[in-house]
Amino acid sequence: MAQLTRPTNGRWIAGVCAGLARRFNMPPMLVRLLFILSCLLPGPQVLIYLVLWVMMPSE
């Protein structure tokens, strides 16, 4: 499995979804779509995204 990092290429906002997709061997668009759909549900999704943005190292 790949290391959990934010890639420098192929990222849109911060690279969190692209990094998670690379880590779990999934297409980045699928992870982005799942994140957007999860934002329709109540919960701390945006806060988790911001925390991952700060915690995940860049390549």
N, C-alpha and C. Protein backbone atom coordinates (compact mmCIF):
# COMPACT_ATOMS: atom_id res chain seq x y z
N MET A 1 0.83 -1.18 0.00
CA MET A 1 0.00 0.00 0.00
C MET A 1 0.88 1.25 0.00
N ALA A 2 0.40 2.26 -0.66
CA ALA A 2 1.13 3.51 -0.74
C ALA A 2 1.03 4.26 0.59
N GLN A 3 1.99 5.14 0.78
CA GLN A 3 2.01 5.96 1.99
C GLN A 3 0.93 7.03 1.89
N LEU A 4 0.40 7.46 3.01
CA LEU A 4 -0.65 8.47 3.03
C LEU A 4 -0.03 9.86 2.95
N THR A 5 0.06 10.39 1.73
CA THR A 5 0.58 11.73 1.49
C THR A 5 -0.31 12.44 0.49
N ARG A 6 -0.23 13.77 0.49
CA ARG A 6 -0.96 14.56 -0.50
C ARG A 6 -0.07 14.72 -1.73
N PRO A 7 -0.51 14.23 -2.89
CA PRO A 7 0.33 14.33 -4.09
C PRO A 7 0.45 15.77 -4.57
N THR A 8 1.55 16.06 -5.25
CA THR A 8 1.72 17.41 -5.81
C THR A 8 1.04 17.53 -7.17
N ASN A 9 0.86 16.41 -7.86
CA ASN A 9 0.19 16.41 -9.17
C ASN A 9 -1.17 15.74 -9.03
N GLY A 10 -2.17 16.30 -9.71
CA GLY A 10 -3.49 15.68 -9.74
C GLY A 10 -4.38 16.05 -8.58
N ARG A 11 -3.99 17.04 -7.82
CA ARG A 11 -4.87 17.45 -6.73
C ARG A 11 -5.71 18.64 -7.15
N TRP A 12 -6.87 18.77 -6.54
CA TRP A 12 -7.76 19.88 -6.87
C TRP A 12 -7.64 20.98 -5.83
N ILE A 13 -8.07 20.74 -4.63
CA ILE A 13 -8.02 21.79 -3.60
C ILE A 13 -6.76 21.61 -2.76
N ALA A 14 -6.71 20.55 -1.99
CA ALA A 14 -5.56 20.33 -1.12
C ALA A 14 -4.89 18.99 -1.38
N GLY A 15 -5.52 18.12 -2.13
CA GLY A 15 -4.94 16.83 -2.43
C GLY A 15 -5.31 15.73 -1.45
N VAL A 16 -6.23 16.03 -0.54
CA VAL A 16 -6.62 15.04 0.47
C VAL A 16 -7.32 13.85 -0.20
N CYS A 17 -8.27 14.11 -1.06
CA CYS A 17 -8.99 13.02 -1.73
C CYS A 17 -8.06 12.23 -2.64
N ALA A 18 -7.16 12.90 -3.33
CA ALA A 18 -6.21 12.20 -4.20
C ALA A 18 -5.26 11.34 -3.37
N GLY A 19 -4.85 11.84 -2.22
CA GLY A 19 -3.98 11.05 -1.34
C GLY A 19 -4.68 9.84 -0.76
N LEU A 20 -5.94 10.01 -0.36
CA LEU A 20 -6.71 8.88 0.14
C LEU A 20 -6.95 7.85 -0.97
N ALA A 21 -7.22 8.34 -2.18
CA ALA A 21 -7.45 7.43 -3.31
C ALA A 21 -6.19 6.62 -3.61
N ARG A 22 -5.06 7.28 -3.57
CA ARG A 22 -3.79 6.57 -3.83
C ARG A 22 -3.52 5.55 -2.74
N ARG A 23 -3.80 5.90 -1.49
CA ARG A 23 -3.53 5.02 -0.36
C ARG A 23 -4.37 3.75 -0.43
N PHE A 24 -5.64 3.89 -0.82
CA PHE A 24 -6.56 2.75 -0.85
C PHE A 24 -6.77 2.21 -2.26
N ASN A 25 -5.93 2.64 -3.22
CA ASN A 25 -5.95 2.13 -4.58
C ASN A 25 -7.33 2.26 -5.22
N MET A 26 -7.86 3.48 -5.18
CA MET A 26 -9.16 3.79 -5.76
C MET A 26 -8.99 4.94 -6.75
N PRO A 27 -9.93 5.12 -7.67
CA PRO A 27 -9.86 6.28 -8.56
C PRO A 27 -10.12 7.57 -7.76
N PRO A 28 -9.34 8.61 -8.00
CA PRO A 28 -9.53 9.87 -7.26
C PRO A 28 -10.92 10.47 -7.44
N MET A 29 -11.49 10.35 -8.65
CA MET A 29 -12.83 10.91 -8.86
C MET A 29 -13.88 10.22 -8.00
N LEU A 30 -13.73 8.94 -7.75
CA LEU A 30 -14.66 8.22 -6.90
C LEU A 30 -14.58 8.73 -5.46
N VAL A 31 -13.38 8.95 -4.98
CA VAL A 31 -13.21 9.45 -3.61
C VAL A 31 -13.77 10.87 -3.50
N ARG A 32 -13.53 11.69 -4.52
CA ARG A 32 -14.08 13.06 -4.51
C ARG A 32 -15.60 13.02 -4.53
N LEU A 33 -16.18 12.15 -5.35
CA LEU A 33 -17.63 12.03 -5.42
C LEU A 33 -18.21 11.56 -4.09
N LEU A 34 -17.56 10.57 -3.47
CA LEU A 34 -18.03 10.10 -2.17
C LEU A 34 -17.95 11.19 -1.11
N PHE A 35 -16.90 12.00 -1.17
CA PHE A 35 -16.78 13.11 -0.21
C PHE A 35 -17.89 14.13 -0.42
N ILE A 36 -18.16 14.49 -1.67
CA ILE A 36 -19.21 15.46 -1.96
C ILE A 36 -20.57 14.92 -1.53
N LEU A 37 -20.83 13.65 -1.80
CA LEU A 37 -22.10 13.06 -1.38
C LEU A 37 -22.21 12.98 0.14
N SER A 38 -21.08 12.73 0.81
CA SER A 38 -21.12 12.65 2.27
C SER A 38 -21.39 14.02 2.89
N CYS A 39 -21.05 15.09 2.18
CA CYS A 39 -21.32 16.44 2.70
C CYS A 39 -22.81 16.75 2.73
N LEU A 40 -23.60 15.98 2.00
CA LEU A 40 -25.06 16.17 2.05
C LEU A 40 -25.66 15.63 3.34
N LEU A 41 -24.91 14.75 4.00
CA LEU A 41 -25.37 14.17 5.27
C LEU A 41 -24.85 15.02 6.43
N PRO A 42 -25.57 15.03 7.54
CA PRO A 42 -25.07 15.78 8.70
C PRO A 42 -23.84 15.10 9.28
N GLY A 43 -22.90 15.91 9.70
CA GLY A 43 -21.68 15.37 10.30
C GLY A 43 -20.50 16.30 10.09
N PRO A 44 -19.37 15.91 10.63
CA PRO A 44 -18.18 16.77 10.59
C PRO A 44 -17.26 16.51 9.39
N GLN A 45 -17.81 16.26 8.22
CA GLN A 45 -16.99 15.90 7.06
C GLN A 45 -16.00 17.00 6.69
N VAL A 46 -16.45 18.24 6.66
CA VAL A 46 -15.57 19.34 6.27
C VAL A 46 -14.48 19.53 7.32
N LEU A 47 -14.81 19.37 8.57
CA LEU A 47 -13.82 19.47 9.64
C LEU A 47 -12.77 18.36 9.52
N ILE A 48 -13.20 17.16 9.21
CA ILE A 48 -12.27 16.04 9.01
C ILE A 48 -11.36 16.32 7.81
N TYR A 49 -11.93 16.87 6.74
CA TYR A 49 -11.12 17.22 5.57
C TYR A 49 -10.05 18.24 5.94
N LEU A 50 -10.42 19.26 6.70
CA LEU A 50 -9.45 20.28 7.11
C LEU A 50 -8.36 19.70 8.01
N VAL A 51 -8.73 18.80 8.90
CA VAL A 51 -7.74 18.16 9.77
C VAL A 51 -6.78 17.31 8.95
N LEU A 52 -7.32 16.56 7.98
CA LEU A 52 -6.45 15.75 7.12
C LEU A 52 -5.53 16.65 6.27
N TRP A 53 -6.02 17.79 5.85
CA TRP A 53 -5.22 18.73 5.08
C TRP A 53 -4.00 19.17 5.88
N VAL A 54 -4.21 19.43 7.16
CA VAL A 54 -3.11 19.87 8.03
C VAL A 54 -2.19 18.69 8.41
N MET A 55 -2.76 17.52 8.65
CA MET A 55 -1.99 16.40 9.16
C MET A 55 -1.23 15.61 8.08
N MET A 56 -1.78 15.54 6.87
CA MET A 56 -1.14 14.74 5.81
C MET A 56 0.03 15.51 5.23
N PRO A 57 1.21 14.88 5.18
CA PRO A 57 2.35 15.58 4.57
C PRO A 57 2.22 15.63 3.06
N SER A 58 2.78 16.66 2.48
CA SER A 58 2.81 16.76 1.01
C SER A 58 3.99 15.95 0.49
N GLU A 59 3.89 15.51 -0.75
CA GLU A 59 4.99 14.71 -1.32
C GLU A 59 6.25 15.54 -1.42
